[in-house]
Amino acid sequence: MVIFQRIMNFNCYQEGYEHGLNHAMRGKSKDYTGFPKLKAFVTNDAYDSYVDGYNQGYRDGLAKRSGVYK
């Protein structure tokens, strides 16, 4: 299983970013339950990169929603 985890590296940053941005723009609170569970089952990189992307997307969404930048 360790060899398989090293071969399979999933980066889910973009997917997390889009979910975070979408949630912030719609005024929703943070919710990490949309992460790709199957990919996260295979490797921790999937969940970690998803959360990093989600948090950045959420920050950007809050900034856009409040008009800080356009």
PDB file of N, CA and C in Angstrom:
ATOM      1  N   MET A   1       0.826  -1.202   0.000  1.00  0.00           N
ATOM      2  CA  MET A   1       0.000   0.000   0.000  1.00  0.00           C
ATOM      3  C   MET A   1       0.860   1.253   0.000  1.00  0.00           C
ATOM      4  N   VAL A   2       2.006   1.234   0.685  1.00  0.00           N
ATOM      5  CA  VAL A   2       2.890   2.397   0.746  1.00  0.00           C
ATOM      6  C   VAL A   2       3.421   2.734  -0.635  1.00  0.00           C
ATOM      7  N   ILE A   3       3.798   1.734  -1.391  1.00  0.00           N
ATOM      8  CA  ILE A   3       4.293   1.970  -2.756  1.00  0.00           C
ATOM      9  C   ILE A   3       3.195   2.593  -3.594  1.00  0.00           C
ATOM     10  N   PHE A   4       1.973   2.087  -3.464  1.00  0.00           N
ATOM     11  CA  PHE A   4       0.841   2.621  -4.220  1.00  0.00           C
ATOM     12  C   PHE A   4       0.598   4.082  -3.860  1.00  0.00           C
ATOM     13  N   GLN A   5       0.703   4.431  -2.579  1.00  0.00           N
ATOM     14  CA  GLN A   5       0.483   5.813  -2.151  1.00  0.00           C
ATOM     15  C   GLN A   5       1.544   6.737  -2.730  1.00  0.00           C
ATOM     16  N   ARG A   6       2.748   6.261  -2.863  1.00  0.00           N
ATOM     17  CA  ARG A   6       3.817   7.103  -3.420  1.00  0.00           C
ATOM     18  C   ARG A   6       3.628   7.324  -4.912  1.00  0.00           C
ATOM     19  N   ILE A   7       3.102   6.336  -5.588  1.00  0.00           N
ATOM     20  CA  ILE A   7       2.871   6.456  -7.030  1.00  0.00           C
ATOM     21  C   ILE A   7       1.687   7.385  -7.297  1.00  0.00           C
ATOM     22  N   MET A   8       0.637   7.235  -6.507  1.00  0.00           N
ATOM     23  CA  MET A   8      -0.582   8.005  -6.701  1.00  0.00           C
ATOM     24  C   MET A   8      -0.521   9.293  -5.892  1.00  0.00           C
ATOM     25  N   ASN A   9      -0.210  10.382  -6.518  1.00  0.00           N
ATOM     26  CA  ASN A   9      -0.211  11.684  -5.871  1.00  0.00           C
ATOM     27  C   ASN A   9      -1.285  12.534  -6.537  1.00  0.00           C
ATOM     28  N   PHE A  10      -2.300  12.859  -5.780  1.00  0.00           N
ATOM     29  CA  PHE A  10      -3.384  13.659  -6.321  1.00  0.00           C
ATOM     30  C   PHE A  10      -3.289  15.071  -5.757  1.00  0.00           C
ATOM     31  N   ASN A  11      -3.311  16.033  -6.624  1.00  0.00           N
ATOM     32  CA  ASN A  11      -3.339  17.422  -6.206  1.00  0.00           C
ATOM     33  C   ASN A  11      -4.742  17.950  -6.497  1.00  0.00           C
ATOM     34  N   CYS A  12      -5.464  18.234  -5.449  1.00  0.00           N
ATOM     35  CA  CYS A  12      -6.860  18.668  -5.582  1.00  0.00           C
ATOM     36  C   CYS A  12      -7.020  20.145  -5.223  1.00  0.00           C
ATOM     37  N   TYR A  13      -5.937  20.909  -5.378  1.00  0.00           N
ATOM     38  CA  TYR A  13      -5.952  22.327  -5.022  1.00  0.00           C
ATOM     39  C   TYR A  13      -7.015  23.082  -5.812  1.00  0.00           C
ATOM     40  N   GLN A  14      -7.038  22.900  -7.116  1.00  0.00           N
ATOM     41  CA  GLN A  14      -7.964  23.649  -7.972  1.00  0.00           C
ATOM     42  C   GLN A  14      -9.410  23.323  -7.633  1.00  0.00           C
ATOM     43  N   GLU A  15      -9.694  22.063  -7.396  1.00  0.00           N
ATOM     44  CA  GLU A  15     -11.044  21.652  -7.034  1.00  0.00           C
ATOM     45  C   GLU A  15     -11.461  22.290  -5.706  1.00  0.00           C
ATOM     46  N   GLY A  16     -10.546  22.288  -4.746  1.00  0.00           N
ATOM     47  CA  GLY A  16     -10.819  22.925  -3.461  1.00  0.00           C
ATOM     48  C   GLY A  16     -10.990  24.424  -3.602  1.00  0.00           C
ATOM     49  N   TYR A  17     -10.153  25.045  -4.432  1.00  0.00           N
ATOM     50  CA  TYR A  17     -10.236  26.484  -4.654  1.00  0.00           C
ATOM     51  C   TYR A  17     -11.612  26.873  -5.187  1.00  0.00           C
ATOM     52  N   GLU A  18     -12.074  26.147  -6.174  1.00  0.00           N
ATOM     53  CA  GLU A  18     -13.374  26.448  -6.776  1.00  0.00           C
ATOM     54  C   GLU A  18     -14.515  26.270  -5.775  1.00  0.00           C
ATOM     55  N   HIS A  19     -14.447  25.225  -4.964  1.00  0.00           N
ATOM     56  CA  HIS A  19     -15.491  25.017  -3.954  1.00  0.00           C
ATOM     57  C   HIS A  19     -15.465  26.133  -2.912  1.00  0.00           C
ATOM     58  N   GLY A  20     -14.269  26.489  -2.438  1.00  0.00           N
ATOM     59  CA  GLY A  20     -14.147  27.558  -1.442  1.00  0.00           C
ATOM     60  C   GLY A  20     -14.618  28.894  -1.982  1.00  0.00           C
ATOM     61  N   LEU A  21     -14.229  29.225  -3.185  1.00  0.00           N
ATOM     62  CA  LEU A  21     -14.641  30.473  -3.821  1.00  0.00           C
ATOM     63  C   LEU A  21     -16.159  30.519  -3.962  1.00  0.00           C
ATOM     64  N   ASN A  22     -16.726  29.428  -4.421  1.00  0.00           N
ATOM     65  CA  ASN A  22     -18.170  29.331  -4.610  1.00  0.00           C
ATOM     66  C   ASN A  22     -18.913  29.500  -3.283  1.00  0.00           C
ATOM     67  N   HIS A  23     -18.448  28.843  -2.241  1.00  0.00           N
ATOM     68  CA  HIS A  23     -19.112  28.947  -0.942  1.00  0.00           C
ATOM     69  C   HIS A  23     -19.057  30.372  -0.400  1.00  0.00           C
ATOM     70  N   ALA A  24     -17.908  31.001  -0.490  1.00  0.00           N
ATOM     71  CA  ALA A  24     -17.772  32.369   0.023  1.00  0.00           C
ATOM     72  C   ALA A  24     -18.634  33.336  -0.769  1.00  0.00           C
ATOM     73  N   MET A  25     -18.673  33.188  -2.076  1.00  0.00           N
ATOM     74  CA  MET A  25     -19.465  34.084  -2.917  1.00  0.00           C
ATOM     75  C   MET A  25     -20.960  33.941  -2.630  1.00  0.00           C
ATOM     76  N   ARG A  26     -21.392  32.758  -2.207  1.00  0.00           N
ATOM     77  CA  ARG A  26     -22.799  32.530  -1.889  1.00  0.00           C
ATOM     78  C   ARG A  26     -23.106  32.769  -0.412  1.00  0.00           C
ATOM     79  N   GLY A  27     -22.115  33.191   0.351  1.00  0.00           N
ATOM     80  CA  GLY A  27     -22.326  33.504   1.756  1.00  0.00           C
ATOM     81  C   GLY A  27     -22.424  32.293   2.666  1.00  0.00           C
ATOM     82  N   LYS A  28     -21.949  31.162   2.199  1.00  0.00           N
ATOM     83  CA  LYS A  28     -21.983  29.949   3.013  1.00  0.00           C
ATOM     84  C   LYS A  28     -20.784  29.917   3.956  1.00  0.00           C
ATOM     85  N   SER A  29     -20.935  29.187   5.054  1.00  0.00           N
ATOM     86  CA  SER A  29     -19.799  28.996   5.950  1.00  0.00           C
ATOM     87  C   SER A  29     -18.879  27.918   5.370  1.00  0.00           C
ATOM     88  N   LYS A  30     -17.668  27.845   5.900  1.00  0.00           N
ATOM     89  CA  LYS A  30     -16.715  26.856   5.399  1.00  0.00           C
ATOM     90  C   LYS A  30     -17.249  25.453   5.601  1.00  0.00           C
ATOM     91  N   ASP A  31     -17.028  24.630   4.582  1.00  0.00           N
ATOM     92  CA  ASP A  31     -17.500  23.247   4.622  1.00  0.00           C
ATOM     93  C   ASP A  31     -16.578  22.411   3.743  1.00  0.00           C
ATOM     94  N   TYR A  32     -15.758  21.593   4.392  1.00  0.00           N
ATOM     95  CA  TYR A  32     -14.777  20.788   3.668  1.00  0.00           C
ATOM     96  C   TYR A  32     -15.317  19.439   3.210  1.00  0.00           C
ATOM     97  N   THR A  33     -16.599  19.193   3.366  1.00  0.00           N
ATOM     98  CA  THR A  33     -17.134  17.872   3.056  1.00  0.00           C
ATOM     99  C   THR A  33     -17.163  17.567   1.562  1.00  0.00           C
ATOM    100  N   GLY A  34     -16.899  18.526   0.717  1.00  0.00           N
ATOM    101  CA  GLY A  34     -16.912  18.286  -0.723  1.00  0.00           C
ATOM    102  C   GLY A  34     -15.609  17.729  -1.258  1.00  0.00           C
ATOM    103  N   PHE A  35     -14.658  17.434  -0.372  1.00  0.00           N
ATOM    104  CA  PHE A  35     -13.369  16.951  -0.856  1.00  0.00           C
ATOM    105  C   PHE A  35     -13.521  15.572  -1.501  1.00  0.00           C
ATOM    106  N   PRO A  36     -12.641  15.248  -2.441  1.00  0.00           N
ATOM    107  CA  PRO A  36     -12.737  13.971  -3.164  1.00  0.00           C
ATOM    108  C   PRO A  36     -12.348  12.805  -2.252  1.00  0.00           C
ATOM    109  N   LYS A  37     -13.317  12.163  -1.667  1.00  0.00           N
ATOM    110  CA  LYS A  37     -13.084  11.131  -0.663  1.00  0.00           C
ATOM    111  C   LYS A  37     -12.313   9.928  -1.201  1.00  0.00           C
ATOM    112  N   LEU A  38     -12.586   9.523  -2.421  1.00  0.00           N
ATOM    113  CA  LEU A  38     -11.883   8.379  -2.985  1.00  0.00           C
ATOM    114  C   LEU A  38     -10.393   8.683  -3.150  1.00  0.00           C
ATOM    115  N   LYS A  39     -10.082   9.863  -3.656  1.00  0.00           N
ATOM    116  CA  LYS A  39      -8.679  10.244  -3.813  1.00  0.00           C
ATOM    117  C   LYS A  39      -8.003  10.383  -2.447  1.00  0.00           C
ATOM    118  N   ALA A  40      -8.724  10.931  -1.481  1.00  0.00           N
ATOM    119  CA  ALA A  40      -8.164  11.108  -0.139  1.00  0.00           C
ATOM    120  C   ALA A  40      -7.939   9.762   0.538  1.00  0.00           C
ATOM    121  N   PHE A  41      -8.716   8.763   0.175  1.00  0.00           N
ATOM    122  CA  PHE A  41      -8.524   7.427   0.715  1.00  0.00           C
ATOM    123  C   PHE A  41      -7.184   6.859   0.261  1.00  0.00           C
ATOM    124  N   VAL A  42      -6.781   7.201  -0.944  1.00  0.00           N
ATOM    125  CA  VAL A  42      -5.549   6.679  -1.522  1.00  0.00           C
ATOM    126  C   VAL A  42      -4.323   7.436  -1.007  1.00  0.00           C
ATOM    127  N   THR A  43      -4.431   8.746  -0.866  1.00  0.00           N
ATOM    128  CA  THR A  43      -3.266   9.536  -0.467  1.00  0.00           C
ATOM    129  C   THR A  43      -3.685  10.762   0.335  1.00  0.00           C
ATOM    130  N   ASN A  44      -2.876  11.145   1.306  1.00  0.00           N
ATOM    131  CA  ASN A  44      -3.154  12.330   2.118  1.00  0.00           C
ATOM    132  C   ASN A  44      -2.974  13.617   1.319  1.00  0.00           C
ATOM    133  N   ASP A  45      -2.186  13.565   0.259  1.00  0.00           N
ATOM    134  CA  ASP A  45      -1.947  14.759  -0.553  1.00  0.00           C
ATOM    135  C   ASP A  45      -3.240  15.327  -1.107  1.00  0.00           C
ATOM    136  N   ALA A  46      -4.182  14.473  -1.424  1.00  0.00           N
ATOM    137  CA  ALA A  46      -5.448  14.926  -1.998  1.00  0.00           C
ATOM    138  C   ALA A  46      -6.191  15.808  -1.005  1.00  0.00           C
ATOM    139  N   TYR A  47      -6.327  15.360   0.222  1.00  0.00           N
ATOM    140  CA  TYR A  47      -7.060  16.135   1.221  1.00  0.00           C
ATOM    141  C   TYR A  47      -6.317  17.413   1.577  1.00  0.00           C
ATOM    142  N   ASP A  48      -5.016  17.312   1.791  1.00  0.00           N
ATOM    143  CA  ASP A  48      -4.227  18.488   2.167  1.00  0.00           C
ATOM    144  C   ASP A  48      -4.258  19.567   1.088  1.00  0.00           C
ATOM    145  N   SER A  49      -4.097  19.153  -0.160  1.00  0.00           N
ATOM    146  CA  SER A  49      -4.113  20.135  -1.250  1.00  0.00           C
ATOM    147  C   SER A  49      -5.521  20.710  -1.438  1.00  0.00           C
ATOM    148  N   TYR A  50      -6.554  19.888  -1.227  1.00  0.00           N
ATOM    149  CA  TYR A  50      -7.932  20.368  -1.323  1.00  0.00           C
ATOM    150  C   TYR A  50      -8.189  21.451  -0.275  1.00  0.00           C
ATOM    151  N   VAL A  51      -7.778  21.204   0.962  1.00  0.00           N
ATOM    152  CA  VAL A  51      -8.001  22.158   2.048  1.00  0.00           C
ATOM    153  C   VAL A  51      -7.226  23.453   1.795  1.00  0.00           C
ATOM    154  N   ASP A  52      -5.985  23.341   1.320  1.00  0.00           N
ATOM    155  CA  ASP A  52      -5.206  24.544   0.988  1.00  0.00           C
ATOM    156  C   ASP A  52      -5.915  25.369  -0.082  1.00  0.00           C
ATOM    157  N   GLY A  53      -6.371  24.704  -1.138  1.00  0.00           N
ATOM    158  CA  GLY A  53      -7.075  25.393  -2.210  1.00  0.00           C
ATOM    159  C   GLY A  53      -8.400  25.966  -1.745  1.00  0.00           C
ATOM    160  N   TYR A  54      -9.121  25.216  -0.937  1.00  0.00           N
ATOM    161  CA  TYR A  54     -10.411  25.670  -0.423  1.00  0.00           C
ATOM    162  C   TYR A  54     -10.239  26.949   0.397  1.00  0.00           C
ATOM    163  N   ASN A  55      -9.267  26.943   1.293  1.00  0.00           N
ATOM    164  CA  ASN A  55      -9.035  28.115   2.144  1.00  0.00           C
ATOM    165  C   ASN A  55      -8.664  29.349   1.323  1.00  0.00           C
ATOM    166  N   GLN A  56      -7.817  29.163   0.311  1.00  0.00           N
ATOM    167  CA  GLN A  56      -7.442  30.299  -0.540  1.00  0.00           C
ATOM    168  C   GLN A  56      -8.639  30.777  -1.350  1.00  0.00           C
ATOM    169  N   GLY A  57      -9.406  29.855  -1.891  1.00  0.00           N
ATOM    170  CA  GLY A  57     -10.603  30.221  -2.645  1.00  0.00           C
ATOM    171  C   GLY A  57     -11.621  30.932  -1.777  1.00  0.00           C
ATOM    172  N   TYR A  58     -11.763  30.486  -0.545  1.00  0.00           N
ATOM    173  CA  TYR A  58     -12.703  31.112   0.377  1.00  0.00           C
ATOM    174  C   TYR A  58     -12.270  32.547   0.685  1.00  0.00           C
ATOM    175  N   ARG A  59     -10.971  32.744   0.931  1.00  0.00           N
ATOM    176  CA  ARG A  59     -10.461  34.102   1.174  1.00  0.00           C
ATOM    177  C   ARG A  59     -10.697  34.999  -0.034  1.00  0.00           C
ATOM    178  N   ASP A  60     -10.399  34.477  -1.219  1.00  0.00           N
ATOM    179  CA  ASP A  60     -10.604  35.264  -2.440  1.00  0.00           C
ATOM    180  C   ASP A  60     -12.086  35.561  -2.651  1.00  0.00           C
ATOM    181  N   GLY A  61     -12.945  34.604  -2.358  1.00  0.00           N
ATOM    182  CA  GLY A  61     -14.387  34.807  -2.504  1.00  0.00           C
ATOM    183  C   GLY A  61     -14.914  35.864  -1.553  1.00  0.00           C
ATOM    184  N   LEU A  62     -14.419  35.854  -0.310  1.00  0.00           N
ATOM    185  CA  LEU A  62     -14.827  36.893   0.641  1.00  0.00           C
ATOM    186  C   LEU A  62     -14.377  38.271   0.177  1.00  0.00           C
ATOM    187  N   ALA A  63     -13.164  38.340  -0.361  1.00  0.00           N
ATOM    188  CA  ALA A  63     -12.645  39.615  -0.851  1.00  0.00           C
ATOM    189  C   ALA A  63     -13.468  40.111  -2.040  1.00  0.00           C
ATOM    190  N   LYS A  64     -13.801  39.227  -2.951  1.00  0.00           N
ATOM    191  CA  LYS A  64     -14.615  39.619  -4.112  1.00  0.00           C
ATOM    192  C   LYS A  64     -16.008  40.037  -3.672  1.00  0.00           C
ATOM    193  N   ARG A  65     -16.570  39.286  -2.747  1.00  0.00           N
ATOM    194  CA  ARG A  65     -17.926  39.588  -2.286  1.00  0.00           C
ATOM    195  C   ARG A  65     -18.005  40.948  -1.588  1.00  0.00           C
ATOM    196  N   SER A  66     -16.967  41.296  -0.861  1.00  0.00           N
ATOM    197  CA  SER A  66     -16.970  42.561  -0.143  1.00  0.00           C
ATOM    198  C   SER A  66     -16.451  43.722  -0.988  1.00  0.00           C
ATOM    199  N   GLY A  67     -16.033  43.424  -2.226  1.00  0.00           N
ATOM    200  CA  GLY A  67     -15.575  44.465  -3.134  1.00  0.00           C
ATOM    201  C   GLY A  67     -14.155  44.929  -2.887  1.00  0.00           C
ATOM    202  N   VAL A  68     -13.356  44.148  -2.152  1.00  0.00           N
ATOM    203  CA  VAL A  68     -11.972  44.524  -1.882  1.00  0.00           C
ATOM    204  C   VAL A  68     -11.173  44.545  -3.176  1.00  0.00           C
ATOM    205  N   TYR A  69     -11.407  43.575  -4.037  1.00  0.00           N
ATOM    206  CA  TYR A  69     -10.797  43.618  -5.360  1.00  0.00           C
ATOM    207  C   TYR A  69     -11.780  43.089  -6.365  1.00  0.00           C
ATOM    208  N   LYS A  70     -11.574  43.483  -7.590  1.00  0.00           N
ATOM    209  CA  LYS A  70     -12.527  43.118  -8.649  1.00  0.00           C
ATOM    210  C   LYS A  70     -11.886  42.220  -9.656  1.00  0.00           C
TER     211      LYS A  70
END
